[in-house]
Amino acid sequence: MPVIVKIPSPLRTVTAGEAQVECAPGTVRELISEVDGRYGGFAERVMDDGQLRRFVNVFVAGEDVRFGDGIETAVSDGQEVQILPAVAGG
């Protein structure tokens, strides 16, 4: 069963409009690399110096990876990954 990576609207310009991408299980880092392999430029939008950008939040099965193993968080078969860039405004 694949992992579903949910792509937020601001990043869909990189994924040819795709709202979700199916990937093989692995770590968050591996999933980002897999999406980047299909849609070049994706990783640079969510990572900086090999880590998640400060204003990019990633959730695995509803849990923020920053409170777990970060970018090395394991993602199992059938789990959902949400990538959410922080939004500012007023």
C-alpha atoms as a PDB file:
ATOM      1  CA  MET A   1       0.000   0.000   0.000  1.00  0.00           C
ATOM      2  CA  PRO A   2       1.593   3.319  -0.985  1.00  0.00           C
ATOM      3  CA  VAL A   3       2.181   6.356   1.179  1.00  0.00           C
ATOM      4  CA  ILE A   4       0.116   9.386   0.145  1.00  0.00           C
ATOM      5  CA  VAL A   5       1.968  12.714   0.202  1.00  0.00           C
ATOM      6  CA  LYS A   6      -0.517  15.610   0.232  1.00  0.00           C
ATOM      7  CA  ILE A   7       0.757  18.610  -1.722  1.00  0.00           C
ATOM      8  CA  PRO A   8      -0.470  22.065  -0.639  1.00  0.00           C
ATOM      9  CA  SER A   9      -1.690  24.559  -3.231  1.00  0.00           C
ATOM     10  CA  PRO A  10       1.452  26.746  -3.180  1.00  0.00           C
ATOM     11  CA  LEU A  11       3.623  23.739  -4.129  1.00  0.00           C
ATOM     12  CA  ARG A  12       1.374  22.347  -6.847  1.00  0.00           C
ATOM     13  CA  THR A  13       3.097  24.537  -9.429  1.00  0.00           C
ATOM     14  CA  VAL A  14       6.088  22.233  -8.942  1.00  0.00           C
ATOM     15  CA  THR A  15       4.035  18.997  -9.099  1.00  0.00           C
ATOM     16  CA  ALA A  16       2.191  19.837 -12.333  1.00  0.00           C
ATOM     17  CA  GLY A  17      -0.977  20.561 -10.364  1.00  0.00           C
ATOM     18  CA  GLU A  18      -1.019  17.230  -8.511  1.00  0.00           C
ATOM     19  CA  ALA A  19      -2.693  17.466  -5.082  1.00  0.00           C
ATOM     20  CA  GLN A  20      -1.215  14.202  -3.892  1.00  0.00           C
ATOM     21  CA  VAL A  21       1.622  11.906  -4.861  1.00  0.00           C
ATOM     22  CA  GLU A  22       1.899   8.196  -4.100  1.00  0.00           C
ATOM     23  CA  CYS A  23       5.302   7.099  -2.815  1.00  0.00           C
ATOM     24  CA  ALA A  24       6.984   4.027  -1.394  1.00  0.00           C
ATOM     25  CA  PRO A  25       7.267   3.833   2.415  1.00  0.00           C
ATOM     26  CA  GLY A  26      10.458   5.279   3.896  1.00  0.00           C
ATOM     27  CA  THR A  27      11.559   8.302   5.879  1.00  0.00           C
ATOM     28  CA  VAL A  28      10.245  11.810   5.298  1.00  0.00           C
ATOM     29  CA  ARG A  29      13.614  12.627   3.705  1.00  0.00           C
ATOM     30  CA  GLU A  30      13.247   9.694   1.282  1.00  0.00           C
ATOM     31  CA  LEU A  31       9.688  10.694   0.393  1.00  0.00           C
ATOM     32  CA  ILE A  32      10.754  14.265  -0.368  1.00  0.00           C
ATOM     33  CA  SER A  33      13.575  12.858  -2.504  1.00  0.00           C
ATOM     34  CA  GLU A  34      11.151  10.583  -4.362  1.00  0.00           C
ATOM     35  CA  VAL A  35       8.751  13.453  -5.084  1.00  0.00           C
ATOM     36  CA  ASP A  36      11.716  15.593  -6.173  1.00  0.00           C
ATOM     37  CA  GLY A  37      12.823  12.800  -8.530  1.00  0.00           C
ATOM     38  CA  ARG A  38       9.473  13.029 -10.296  1.00  0.00           C
ATOM     39  CA  TYR A  39       9.045  16.787 -10.001  1.00  0.00           C
ATOM     40  CA  GLY A  40      12.422  18.502 -10.042  1.00  0.00           C
ATOM     41  CA  GLY A  41      12.678  21.511  -7.760  1.00  0.00           C
ATOM     42  CA  PHE A  42      10.324  20.137  -5.115  1.00  0.00           C
ATOM     43  CA  ALA A  43      13.011  19.439  -2.499  1.00  0.00           C
ATOM     44  CA  GLU A  44      14.474  22.936  -2.713  1.00  0.00           C
ATOM     45  CA  ARG A  45      11.041  24.369  -1.928  1.00  0.00           C
ATOM     46  CA  VAL A  46      10.673  22.391   1.331  1.00  0.00           C
ATOM     47  CA  MET A  47      14.283  21.820   2.438  1.00  0.00           C
ATOM     48  CA  ASP A  48      17.318  23.956   3.128  1.00  0.00           C
ATOM     49  CA  ASP A  49      20.778  22.502   3.879  1.00  0.00           C
ATOM     50  CA  GLY A  50      19.320  19.006   4.165  1.00  0.00           C
ATOM     51  CA  GLN A  51      16.683  19.931   6.746  1.00  0.00           C
ATOM     52  CA  LEU A  52      13.090  21.094   6.547  1.00  0.00           C
ATOM     53  CA  ARG A  53      12.756  24.800   5.966  1.00  0.00           C
ATOM     54  CA  ARG A  54      11.801  26.683   9.100  1.00  0.00           C
ATOM     55  CA  PHE A  55       8.328  27.570   7.858  1.00  0.00           C
ATOM     56  CA  VAL A  56       7.436  24.194   6.372  1.00  0.00           C
ATOM     57  CA  ASN A  57       5.502  21.837   8.616  1.00  0.00           C
ATOM     58  CA  VAL A  58       5.258  18.120   7.902  1.00  0.00           C
ATOM     59  CA  PHE A  59       2.756  15.803   9.544  1.00  0.00           C
ATOM     60  CA  VAL A  60       2.823  12.012   9.400  1.00  0.00           C
ATOM     61  CA  ALA A  61      -0.499  10.432  10.374  1.00  0.00           C
ATOM     62  CA  GLY A  62      -1.461  13.768  11.936  1.00  0.00           C
ATOM     63  CA  GLU A  63       1.706  14.086  14.071  1.00  0.00           C
ATOM     64  CA  ASP A  64       4.179  16.947  13.563  1.00  0.00           C
ATOM     65  CA  VAL A  65       7.554  15.402  12.677  1.00  0.00           C
ATOM     66  CA  ARG A  66       9.392  18.184  14.531  1.00  0.00           C
ATOM     67  CA  PHE A  67       8.265  16.572  17.786  1.00  0.00           C
ATOM     68  CA  GLY A  68       9.550  13.157  16.713  1.00  0.00           C
ATOM     69  CA  ASP A  69      12.497  12.173  14.554  1.00  0.00           C
ATOM     70  CA  GLY A  70      12.165  15.174  12.260  1.00  0.00           C
ATOM     71  CA  ILE A  71      13.051  14.546   8.644  1.00  0.00           C
ATOM     72  CA  GLU A  72      14.148  11.004   9.569  1.00  0.00           C
ATOM     73  CA  THR A  73      10.621  10.112  10.763  1.00  0.00           C
ATOM     74  CA  ALA A  74       9.587   6.739   9.367  1.00  0.00           C
ATOM     75  CA  VAL A  75       6.459   6.586   7.214  1.00  0.00           C
ATOM     76  CA  SER A  76       4.750   3.195   6.937  1.00  0.00           C
ATOM     77  CA  ASP A  77       2.516   1.621   4.315  1.00  0.00           C
ATOM     78  CA  GLY A  78      -0.801   3.421   3.971  1.00  0.00           C
ATOM     79  CA  GLN A  79       0.119   6.452   6.076  1.00  0.00           C
ATOM     80  CA  GLU A  80      -0.577   9.983   4.916  1.00  0.00           C
ATOM     81  CA  VAL A  81       1.985  12.783   4.898  1.00  0.00           C
ATOM     82  CA  GLN A  82       0.856  16.390   4.824  1.00  0.00           C
ATOM     83  CA  ILE A  83       3.237  19.183   3.911  1.00  0.00           C
ATOM     84  CA  LEU A  84       2.004  22.561   5.087  1.00  0.00           C
ATOM     85  CA  PRO A  85       3.892  25.787   4.523  1.00  0.00           C
ATOM     86  CA  ALA A  86       3.221  28.313   7.257  1.00  0.00           C
ATOM     87  CA  VAL A  87       0.948  31.155   6.206  1.00  0.00           C
ATOM     88  CA  ALA A  88       1.330  34.661   7.557  1.00  0.00           C
ATOM     89  CA  GLY A  89      -0.915  37.611   7.156  1.00  0.00           C
ATOM     90  CA  GLY A  90      -3.366  39.699   8.963  1.00  0.00           C
END
